[in-house]
C-alpha atoms as a PDB file:
ATOM      1  CA  MET A   1     -25.326  60.632  45.747  1.00  0.00           C
ATOM      2  CA  PRO A   2     -28.021  62.928  46.656  1.00  0.00           C
ATOM      3  CA  ILE A   3     -28.333  66.324  44.795  1.00  0.00           C
ATOM      4  CA  VAL A   4     -26.799  68.945  47.827  1.00  0.00           C
ATOM      5  CA  THR A   5     -27.721  72.715  48.560  1.00  0.00           C
ATOM      6  CA  LEU A   6     -25.149  75.478  47.589  1.00  0.00           C
ATOM      7  CA  ALA A   7     -24.795  75.881  51.267  1.00  0.00           C
ATOM      8  CA  GLU A   8     -23.781  72.284  51.810  1.00  0.00           C
ATOM      9  CA  VAL A   9     -20.717  72.840  49.433  1.00  0.00           C
ATOM     10  CA  LEU A  10     -19.977  76.702  50.448  1.00  0.00           C
ATOM     11  CA  GLN A  11     -20.219  76.257  53.827  1.00  0.00           C
ATOM     12  CA  PRO A  12     -16.797  73.606  53.786  1.00  0.00           C
ATOM     13  CA  ALA A  13     -15.132  75.702  51.536  1.00  0.00           C
ATOM     14  CA  LEU A  14     -15.713  79.076  53.425  1.00  0.00           C
ATOM     15  CA  LYS A  15     -13.974  76.843  56.652  1.00  0.00           C
ATOM     16  CA  GLN A  16     -11.353  75.199  54.882  1.00  0.00           C
ATOM     17  CA  GLY A  17     -10.191  77.802  52.486  1.00  0.00           C
ATOM     18  CA  TYR A  18     -10.972  76.794  49.220  1.00  0.00           C
ATOM     19  CA  ALA A  19     -13.476  77.464  46.472  1.00  0.00           C
ATOM     20  CA  VAL A  20     -15.917  75.430  44.431  1.00  0.00           C
ATOM     21  CA  ALA A  21     -16.608  76.050  40.870  1.00  0.00           C
ATOM     22  CA  GLY A  22     -19.746  77.233  39.289  1.00  0.00           C
ATOM     23  CA  LEU A  23     -19.923  75.654  35.812  1.00  0.00           C
ATOM     24  CA  VAL A  24     -22.196  76.835  33.190  1.00  0.00           C
ATOM     25  CA  CYS A  25     -23.679  74.571  31.224  1.00  0.00           C
ATOM     26  CA  LEU A  26     -24.985  74.623  27.706  1.00  0.00           C
ATOM     27  CA  GLY A  27     -25.930  70.937  26.942  1.00  0.00           C
ATOM     28  CA  TRP A  28     -25.538  67.426  27.866  1.00  0.00           C
ATOM     29  CA  GLU A  29     -21.886  67.026  26.865  1.00  0.00           C
ATOM     30  CA  ASP A  30     -20.890  69.713  28.939  1.00  0.00           C
ATOM     31  CA  MET A  31     -22.686  68.431  32.215  1.00  0.00           C
ATOM     32  CA  CYS A  32     -21.362  65.174  31.830  1.00  0.00           C
ATOM     33  CA  ALA A  33     -17.618  66.396  31.260  1.00  0.00           C
ATOM     34  CA  TYR A  34     -17.849  68.926  34.339  1.00  0.00           C
ATOM     35  CA  THR A  35     -19.601  65.954  36.595  1.00  0.00           C
ATOM     36  CA  ARG A  36     -16.452  63.614  35.436  1.00  0.00           C
ATOM     37  CA  ALA A  37     -14.273  66.296  36.017  1.00  0.00           C
ATOM     38  CA  ALA A  38     -15.523  66.993  39.716  1.00  0.00           C
ATOM     39  CA  GLU A  39     -15.313  62.664  39.996  1.00  0.00           C
ATOM     40  CA  GLN A  40     -11.699  62.719  39.002  1.00  0.00           C
ATOM     41  CA  GLU A  41     -10.171  65.866  41.156  1.00  0.00           C
ATOM     42  CA  ASN A  42     -12.757  64.317  43.703  1.00  0.00           C
ATOM     43  CA  MET A  43     -13.918  68.311  44.423  1.00  0.00           C
ATOM     44  CA  PRO A  44     -17.875  69.171  44.514  1.00  0.00           C
ATOM     45  CA  VAL A  45     -19.329  70.800  41.599  1.00  0.00           C
ATOM     46  CA  ILE A  46     -21.841  73.063  40.626  1.00  0.00           C
ATOM     47  CA  LEU A  47     -24.045  72.783  37.778  1.00  0.00           C
ATOM     48  CA  GLN A  48     -25.293  75.872  36.647  1.00  0.00           C
ATOM     49  CA  ALA A  49     -27.988  76.549  34.515  1.00  0.00           C
ATOM     50  CA  GLY A  50     -28.103  80.025  32.896  1.00  0.00           C
ATOM     51  CA  PRO A  51     -30.284  82.274  30.851  1.00  0.00           C
ATOM     52  CA  GLY A  52     -28.676  81.481  27.555  1.00  0.00           C
ATOM     53  CA  CYS A  53     -29.031  77.082  28.583  1.00  0.00           C
ATOM     54  CA  ARG A  54     -33.088  78.273  29.524  1.00  0.00           C
ATOM     55  CA  GLU A  55     -33.659  79.884  26.365  1.00  0.00           C
ATOM     56  CA  HIS A  56     -32.109  76.559  24.255  1.00  0.00           C
ATOM     57  CA  THR A  57     -33.626  73.858  27.085  1.00  0.00           C
ATOM     58  CA  PRO A  58     -36.543  73.898  29.768  1.00  0.00           C
ATOM     59  CA  LEU A  59     -36.095  73.881  33.338  1.00  0.00           C
ATOM     60  CA  PRO A  60     -38.137  71.264  33.847  1.00  0.00           C
ATOM     61  CA  VAL A  61     -35.648  68.850  31.413  1.00  0.00           C
ATOM     62  CA  LEU A  62     -32.582  71.036  32.644  1.00  0.00           C
ATOM     63  CA  GLY A  63     -34.018  70.138  36.117  1.00  0.00           C
ATOM     64  CA  ALA A  64     -33.869  66.121  35.445  1.00  0.00           C
ATOM     65  CA  MET A  65     -30.697  66.616  33.309  1.00  0.00           C
ATOM     66  CA  PHE A  66     -28.735  67.543  36.264  1.00  0.00           C
ATOM     67  CA  ARG A  67     -30.277  65.661  38.897  1.00  0.00           C
ATOM     68  CA  ALA A  68     -29.511  62.166  36.725  1.00  0.00           C
ATOM     69  CA  LEU A  69     -25.976  63.432  36.763  1.00  0.00           C
ATOM     70  CA  GLY A  70     -25.523  64.114  40.331  1.00  0.00           C
ATOM     71  CA  GLU A  71     -27.314  61.141  41.801  1.00  0.00           C
ATOM     72  CA  SER A  72     -25.157  58.983  40.255  1.00  0.00           C
ATOM     73  CA  ALA A  73     -21.732  61.089  40.766  1.00  0.00           C
ATOM     74  CA  THR A  74     -19.643  60.059  43.517  1.00  0.00           C
ATOM     75  CA  VAL A  75     -19.086  63.745  44.607  1.00  0.00           C
ATOM     76  CA  PRO A  76     -21.592  66.264  45.494  1.00  0.00           C
ATOM     77  CA  VAL A  77     -23.391  68.084  43.167  1.00  0.00           C
ATOM     78  CA  VAL A  78     -25.445  70.927  42.988  1.00  0.00           C
ATOM     79  CA  ALA A  79     -28.347  71.779  40.491  1.00  0.00           C
ATOM     80  CA  HIS A  80     -28.382  75.505  40.438  1.00  0.00           C
ATOM     81  CA  LEU A  81     -30.579  78.227  38.445  1.00  0.00           C
ATOM     82  CA  ASP A  82     -28.077  80.843  37.740  1.00  0.00           C
ATOM     83  CA  HIS A  83     -29.104  84.609  37.112  1.00  0.00           C
ATOM     84  CA  GLY A  84     -32.896  84.144  37.536  1.00  0.00           C
ATOM     85  CA  TYR A  85     -34.533  87.434  36.639  1.00  0.00           C
ATOM     86  CA  SER A  86     -38.021  86.902  38.164  1.00  0.00           C
ATOM     87  CA  ILE A  87     -39.913  85.400  41.205  1.00  0.00           C
ATOM     88  CA  GLU A  88     -41.487  82.915  38.981  1.00  0.00           C
ATOM     89  CA  GLU A  89     -38.604  81.676  37.190  1.00  0.00           C
ATOM     90  CA  CYS A  90     -36.931  80.741  40.356  1.00  0.00           C
ATOM     91  CA  ARG A  91     -40.184  79.285  41.696  1.00  0.00           C
ATOM     92  CA  GLU A  92     -40.032  76.913  38.315  1.00  0.00           C
ATOM     93  CA  ALA A  93     -36.720  76.225  38.982  1.00  0.00           C
ATOM     94  CA  ILE A  94     -37.503  74.584  42.664  1.00  0.00           C
ATOM     95  CA  ASP A  95     -40.676  73.161  41.309  1.00  0.00           C
ATOM     96  CA  CYS A  96     -38.413  71.247  38.727  1.00  0.00           C
ATOM     97  CA  GLY A  97     -35.821  69.981  41.444  1.00  0.00           C
ATOM     98  CA  PHE A  98     -32.976  72.404  41.206  1.00  0.00           C
ATOM     99  CA  SER A  99     -31.357  72.789  44.702  1.00  0.00           C
ATOM    100  CA  SER A 100     -30.114  76.529  44.747  1.00  0.00           C
ATOM    101  CA  VAL A 101     -31.224  79.110  43.081  1.00  0.00           C
ATOM    102  CA  MET A 102     -29.677  82.563  42.225  1.00  0.00           C
ATOM    103  CA  PHE A 103     -31.696  85.531  41.751  1.00  0.00           C
ATOM    104  CA  ASP A 104     -30.589  88.488  39.945  1.00  0.00           C
ATOM    105  CA  GLY A 105     -32.082  91.897  41.142  1.00  0.00           C
ATOM    106  CA  SER A 106     -28.477  93.329  40.403  1.00  0.00           C
ATOM    107  CA  ARG A 107     -29.951  96.472  37.943  1.00  0.00           C
ATOM    108  CA  LYS A 108     -32.729  97.413  40.248  1.00  0.00           C
ATOM    109  CA  PRO A 109     -32.225  99.987  43.142  1.00  0.00           C
ATOM    110  CA  LEU A 110     -30.850  98.561  46.370  1.00  0.00           C
ATOM    111  CA  ALA A 111     -34.152  98.765  48.082  1.00  0.00           C
ATOM    112  CA  GLN A 112     -35.957  96.718  45.329  1.00  0.00           C
ATOM    113  CA  ASN A 113     -33.042  94.278  45.047  1.00  0.00           C
ATOM    114  CA  ILE A 114     -33.203  93.723  48.893  1.00  0.00           C
ATOM    115  CA  GLU A 115     -36.921  93.291  48.940  1.00  0.00           C
ATOM    116  CA  GLU A 116     -36.798  91.077  45.938  1.00  0.00           C
ATOM    117  CA  THR A 117     -33.956  89.051  46.715  1.00  0.00           C
ATOM    118  CA  ALA A 118     -35.017  88.132  50.285  1.00  0.00           C
ATOM    119  CA  ALA A 119     -38.542  87.244  48.916  1.00  0.00           C
ATOM    120  CA  VAL A 120     -36.490  84.351  46.668  1.00  0.00           C
ATOM    121  CA  ALA A 121     -34.464  83.797  49.618  1.00  0.00           C
ATOM    122  CA  ALA A 122     -37.258  83.227  51.582  1.00  0.00           C
ATOM    123  CA  LEU A 123     -39.437  80.875  49.081  1.00  0.00           C
ATOM    124  CA  ALA A 124     -35.855  78.712  48.828  1.00  0.00           C
ATOM    125  CA  HIS A 125     -35.554  78.094  52.194  1.00  0.00           C
ATOM    126  CA  GLN A 126     -38.871  76.947  52.670  1.00  0.00           C
ATOM    127  CA  ALA A 127     -38.531  74.478  50.037  1.00  0.00           C
ATOM    128  CA  GLY A 128     -35.326  73.285  51.716  1.00  0.00           C
ATOM    129  CA  ILE A 129     -32.710  74.792  49.383  1.00  0.00           C
ATOM    130  CA  SER A 130     -30.159  77.631  48.769  1.00  0.00           C
ATOM    131  CA  CYS A 131     -30.267  81.009  47.693  1.00  0.00           C
ATOM    132  CA  GLU A 132     -27.745  83.207  45.759  1.00  0.00           C
ATOM    133  CA  GLY A 133     -27.919  87.020  45.349  1.00  0.00           C
ATOM    134  CA  GLU A 134     -26.033  89.562  43.956  1.00  0.00           C
ATOM    135  CA  ILE A 135     -25.353  93.349  45.447  1.00  0.00           C
ATOM    136  CA  GLY A 136     -23.513  95.769  42.787  1.00  0.00           C
ATOM    137  CA  PHE A 137     -23.582  94.682  39.063  1.00  0.00           C
ATOM    138  CA  VAL A 138     -20.916  92.610  37.002  1.00  0.00           C
ATOM    139  CA  GLY A 139     -21.143  94.263  33.638  1.00  0.00           C
ATOM    140  CA  TYR A 140     -19.910  92.327  30.224  1.00  0.00           C
ATOM    141  CA  ALA A 141     -16.852  92.689  28.044  1.00  0.00           C
ATOM    142  CA  GLU A 142     -17.787  94.324  25.092  1.00  0.00           C
ATOM    143  CA  GLY A 143     -21.254  95.253  26.572  1.00  0.00           C
ATOM    144  CA  GLU A 144     -22.749  96.963  29.821  1.00  0.00           C
ATOM    145  CA  SER A 145     -20.363  98.523  32.140  1.00  0.00           C
ATOM    146  CA  SER A 146     -20.182  97.202  35.943  1.00  0.00           C
ATOM    147  CA  ALA A 147     -20.979  98.929  38.687  1.00  0.00           C
ATOM    148  CA  GLY A 148     -18.477  97.996  41.601  1.00  0.00           C
ATOM    149  CA  THR A 149     -19.944  96.586  45.144  1.00  0.00           C
ATOM    150  CA  ASP A 150     -20.507  98.865  48.057  1.00  0.00           C
ATOM    151  CA  ALA A 151     -19.344  97.560  51.769  1.00  0.00           C
ATOM    152  CA  GLN A 152     -21.537  98.777  53.838  1.00  0.00           C
ATOM    153  CA  GLU A 153     -24.432  98.114  50.986  1.00  0.00           C
ATOM    154  CA  ALA A 154     -22.993  94.657  50.665  1.00  0.00           C
ATOM    155  CA  ALA A 155     -23.466  94.171  54.671  1.00  0.00           C
ATOM    156  CA  GLU A 156     -27.104  95.950  54.579  1.00  0.00           C
ATOM    157  CA  PHE A 157     -28.117  93.376  51.870  1.00  0.00           C
ATOM    158  CA  ALA A 158     -26.850  90.068  53.293  1.00  0.00           C
ATOM    159  CA  ILE A 159     -28.018  90.554  56.489  1.00  0.00           C
ATOM    160  CA  ALA A 160     -31.769  91.891  55.142  1.00  0.00           C
ATOM    161  CA  THR A 161     -32.275  89.096  52.464  1.00  0.00           C
ATOM    162  CA  ARG A 162     -30.687  85.803  54.609  1.00  0.00           C
ATOM    163  CA  VAL A 163     -29.246  84.345  51.293  1.00  0.00           C
ATOM    164  CA  ASP A 164     -26.820  81.818  51.399  1.00  0.00           C
ATOM    165  CA  ALA A 165     -24.364  83.460  49.183  1.00  0.00           C
ATOM    166  CA  MET A 166     -23.475  87.040  47.965  1.00  0.00           C
ATOM    167  CA  ALA A 167     -22.541  87.879  44.196  1.00  0.00           C
ATOM    168  CA  ILE A 168     -19.880  90.777  44.205  1.00  0.00           C
ATOM    169  CA  SER A 169     -18.511  92.933  41.928  1.00  0.00           C
ATOM    170  CA  VAL A 170     -14.812  94.017  42.518  1.00  0.00           C
ATOM    171  CA  GLY A 171     -13.405  94.245  38.826  1.00  0.00           C
ATOM    172  CA  ASN A 172     -14.853  90.585  37.083  1.00  0.00           C
ATOM    173  CA  VAL A 173     -16.961  90.666  33.945  1.00  0.00           C
ATOM    174  CA  HIS A 174     -18.683  88.110  32.534  1.00  0.00           C
ATOM    175  CA  LEU A 175     -17.893  86.745  28.772  1.00  0.00           C
ATOM    176  CA  GLN A 176     -13.955  87.597  29.416  1.00  0.00           C
ATOM    177  CA  GLN A 177     -12.269  85.676  26.825  1.00  0.00           C
ATOM    178  CA  SER A 178      -8.370  86.077  28.147  1.00  0.00           C
ATOM    179  CA  GLU A 179      -7.035  87.132  31.749  1.00  0.00           C
ATOM    180  CA  SER A 180      -8.008  90.532  32.660  1.00  0.00           C
ATOM    181  CA  ASP A 181      -5.348  91.950  35.509  1.00  0.00           C
ATOM    182  CA  GLY A 182      -7.201  90.708  38.300  1.00  0.00           C
ATOM    183  CA  LEU A 183      -9.374  91.649  41.202  1.00  0.00           C
ATOM    184  CA  ASP A 184      -9.544  94.660  43.472  1.00  0.00           C
ATOM    185  CA  ILE A 185      -8.366  93.251  46.444  1.00  0.00           C
ATOM    186  CA  ASP A 186      -8.888  95.888  48.810  1.00  0.00           C
ATOM    187  CA  ASN A 187     -12.440  96.313  48.127  1.00  0.00           C
ATOM    188  CA  ILE A 188     -12.738  92.358  48.545  1.00  0.00           C
ATOM    189  CA  ARG A 189     -11.419  92.750  52.121  1.00  0.00           C
ATOM    190  CA  ALA A 190     -13.597  95.743  52.678  1.00  0.00           C
ATOM    191  CA  ILE A 191     -16.479  93.515  51.876  1.00  0.00           C
ATOM    192  CA  GLU A 192     -15.471  90.512  53.521  1.00  0.00           C
ATOM    193  CA  ALA A 193     -14.700  92.545  57.062  1.00  0.00           C
ATOM    194  CA  CYS A 194     -18.412  93.175  57.164  1.00  0.00           C
ATOM    195  CA  CYS A 195     -19.617  90.387  56.107  1.00  0.00           C
ATOM    196  CA  ASP A 196     -20.059  86.594  56.935  1.00  0.00           C
ATOM    197  CA  ILE A 197     -21.338  84.643  53.968  1.00  0.00           C
ATOM    198  CA  PRO A 198     -19.561  82.966  51.719  1.00  0.00           C
ATOM    199  CA  LEU A 199     -18.905  85.321  48.479  1.00  0.00           C
ATOM    200  CA  VAL A 200     -19.189  85.081  44.816  1.00  0.00           C
ATOM    201  CA  ILE A 201     -17.342  86.002  41.243  1.00  0.00           C
ATOM    202  CA  HIS A 202     -19.294  85.677  38.339  1.00  0.00           C
ATOM    203  CA  GLY A 203     -17.279  86.041  35.106  1.00  0.00           C
ATOM    204  CA  GLY A 204     -14.465  83.721  36.745  1.00  0.00           C
ATOM    205  CA  SER A 205     -12.933  82.978  33.533  1.00  0.00           C
ATOM    206  CA  GLY A 206     -10.999  86.343  33.393  1.00  0.00           C
ATOM    207  CA  VAL A 207      -9.551  85.910  36.785  1.00  0.00           C
ATOM    208  CA  PRO A 208      -6.032  84.280  36.662  1.00  0.00           C
ATOM    209  CA  ALA A 209      -6.061  80.505  37.873  1.00  0.00           C
ATOM    210  CA  LEU A 210      -3.270  82.019  40.467  1.00  0.00           C
ATOM    211  CA  GLN A 211      -5.161  84.737  41.360  1.00  0.00           C
ATOM    212  CA  ARG A 212      -8.443  82.246  41.935  1.00  0.00           C
ATOM    213  CA  LYS A 213      -6.315  79.633  43.894  1.00  0.00           C
ATOM    214  CA  GLU A 214      -4.844  82.777  46.285  1.00  0.00           C
ATOM    215  CA  LEU A 215      -8.522  84.251  46.593  1.00  0.00           C
ATOM    216  CA  ALA A 216      -9.760  80.793  47.334  1.00  0.00           C
ATOM    217  CA  LYS A 217      -7.715  80.105  50.396  1.00  0.00           C
ATOM    218  CA  THR A 218      -7.064  83.656  51.744  1.00  0.00           C
ATOM    219  CA  THR A 219     -10.957  85.182  51.603  1.00  0.00           C
ATOM    220  CA  LYS A 220     -14.230  84.349  52.122  1.00  0.00           C
ATOM    221  CA  ILE A 221     -14.567  83.753  48.132  1.00  0.00           C
ATOM    222  CA  CYS A 222     -15.994  80.442  48.052  1.00  0.00           C
ATOM    223  CA  LYS A 223     -17.385  80.165  44.618  1.00  0.00           C
ATOM    224  CA  PHE A 224     -16.203  81.176  41.130  1.00  0.00           C
ATOM    225  CA  ASN A 225     -18.724  81.192  38.145  1.00  0.00           C
ATOM    226  CA  VAL A 226     -16.795  79.923  34.838  1.00  0.00           C
ATOM    227  CA  GLY A 227     -18.721  79.638  31.199  1.00  0.00           C
ATOM    228  CA  THR A 228     -16.376  81.086  28.940  1.00  0.00           C
ATOM    229  CA  GLU A 229     -13.202  79.857  29.210  1.00  0.00           C
ATOM    230  CA  LEU A 230     -15.127  75.851  28.731  1.00  0.00           C
ATOM    231  CA  ARG A 231     -17.185  76.866  26.424  1.00  0.00           C
ATOM    232  CA  MET A 232     -13.929  78.245  24.249  1.00  0.00           C
ATOM    233  CA  ALA A 233     -12.390  74.574  25.029  1.00  0.00           C
ATOM    234  CA  PHE A 234     -15.662  73.393  23.747  1.00  0.00           C
ATOM    235  CA  GLY A 235     -15.701  75.241  20.704  1.00  0.00           C
ATOM    236  CA  LYS A 236     -11.916  74.064  19.806  1.00  0.00           C
ATOM    237  CA  ALA A 237     -13.003  70.594  20.265  1.00  0.00           C
ATOM    238  CA  LEU A 238     -16.254  70.694  18.277  1.00  0.00           C
ATOM    239  CA  ARG A 239     -14.297  72.366  15.019  1.00  0.00           C
ATOM    240  CA  GLN A 240     -11.290  69.708  15.416  1.00  0.00           C
ATOM    241  CA  SER A 241     -13.844  66.981  15.550  1.00  0.00           C
ATOM    242  CA  VAL A 242     -15.722  68.303  12.619  1.00  0.00           C
ATOM    243  CA  SER A 243     -12.204  68.825  10.633  1.00  0.00           C
ATOM    244  CA  ALA A 244     -11.074  65.397  11.045  1.00  0.00           C
ATOM    245  CA  ASP A 245     -13.524  63.830   9.044  1.00  0.00           C
ATOM    246  CA  GLN A 246     -15.643  66.077   6.946  1.00  0.00           C
ATOM    247  CA  ALA A 247     -17.686  63.219   5.912  1.00  0.00           C
ATOM    248  CA  ARG A 248     -18.581  62.102   9.268  1.00  0.00           C
ATOM    249  CA  PHE A 249     -22.569  63.476  10.031  1.00  0.00           C
ATOM    250  CA  ASP A 250     -23.515  61.657  13.370  1.00  0.00           C
ATOM    251  CA  ARG A 251     -23.932  64.417  15.779  1.00  0.00           C
ATOM    252  CA  ASN A 252     -23.326  61.652  18.799  1.00  0.00           C
ATOM    253  CA  ALA A 253     -20.035  60.648  17.331  1.00  0.00           C
ATOM    254  CA  ILE A 254     -19.122  64.094  16.404  1.00  0.00           C
ATOM    255  CA  LEU A 255     -20.305  65.764  20.252  1.00  0.00           C
ATOM    256  CA  LYS A 256     -18.463  62.704  22.279  1.00  0.00           C
ATOM    257  CA  ASP A 257     -15.286  64.011  21.017  1.00  0.00           C
ATOM    258  CA  THR A 258     -15.630  67.212  23.258  1.00  0.00           C
ATOM    259  CA  ILE A 259     -16.269  65.470  26.304  1.00  0.00           C
ATOM    260  CA  ASP A 260     -12.449  64.112  27.079  1.00  0.00           C
ATOM    261  CA  PRO A 261     -11.014  68.099  26.067  1.00  0.00           C
ATOM    262  CA  LEU A 262     -13.804  69.686  28.156  1.00  0.00           C
ATOM    263  CA  CYS A 263     -13.180  67.293  30.982  1.00  0.00           C
ATOM    264  CA  GLU A 264      -9.431  67.953  31.119  1.00  0.00           C
ATOM    265  CA  ALA A 265     -10.441  71.792  30.603  1.00  0.00           C
ATOM    266  CA  ALA A 266     -13.014  71.822  33.376  1.00  0.00           C
ATOM    267  CA  ARG A 267      -9.943  69.880  35.745  1.00  0.00           C
ATOM    268  CA  LYS A 268      -7.485  72.657  34.893  1.00  0.00           C
ATOM    269  CA  VAL A 269     -10.578  75.065  36.373  1.00  0.00           C
ATOM    270  CA  LEU A 270     -10.927  72.850  39.445  1.00  0.00           C
ATOM    271  CA  GLN A 271      -7.636  72.599  40.353  1.00  0.00           C
ATOM    272  CA  SER A 272      -7.222  76.575  40.312  1.00  0.00           C
ATOM    273  CA  MET A 273     -10.052  76.579  43.628  1.00  0.00           C
ATOM    274  CA  ARG A 274      -7.681  74.641  45.523  1.00  0.00           C
END
């Protein structure tokens, strides 16, 4: 089916009480595994190209890969730019066929974040696609500390930028390799009390699966980004493939062995959101 926008998958999730997985892609094998998992679970999926992915593969190639998979899939697929740090990068993604862009101005002062996010949202909407923004700062495990989202600032941000989805910082962190103690429910409730748009959790790998399921059903959180959890599954499968036959050298044969295990891991992630 045709590639869809972020709004087209998140608005039904908001109304019906589930969340959609934003799965961080690094190569063809994981893109295939995630699309197959979504088809097997009969759920939409958001294929995401983050900064690390873009360092390895140019945006025009990623856009073509996402569209090729999405257009042949039996479920809705969003081609999403994750953590675009400039208007120019977001514009390039739009030109390359992405159906959604996330502008990350979360390190900038509030007024600048609003101004630049609004500009990207206007550009995206003019092109007929969706835009995600971030208010508050989601930090990194063993790295930058988070700055939690203020509910009143979130309300101002949502209205002024007209984004289709808003990423918030409520105890979540990027690159978390084990389950955390969970998210700040009180702050989530405060934010959703004054915002009507779908909310997004970056660093979803650290959120316990049971809490992901509960939040998907009972809050306006409609998207969980999951990367580290699945990259760990890929690494395990790759090591097993290489170790199984030390004489094997064909990369296609080795990488092919990662798709089924990664598909199963992605299915578990998808199941935790409904």
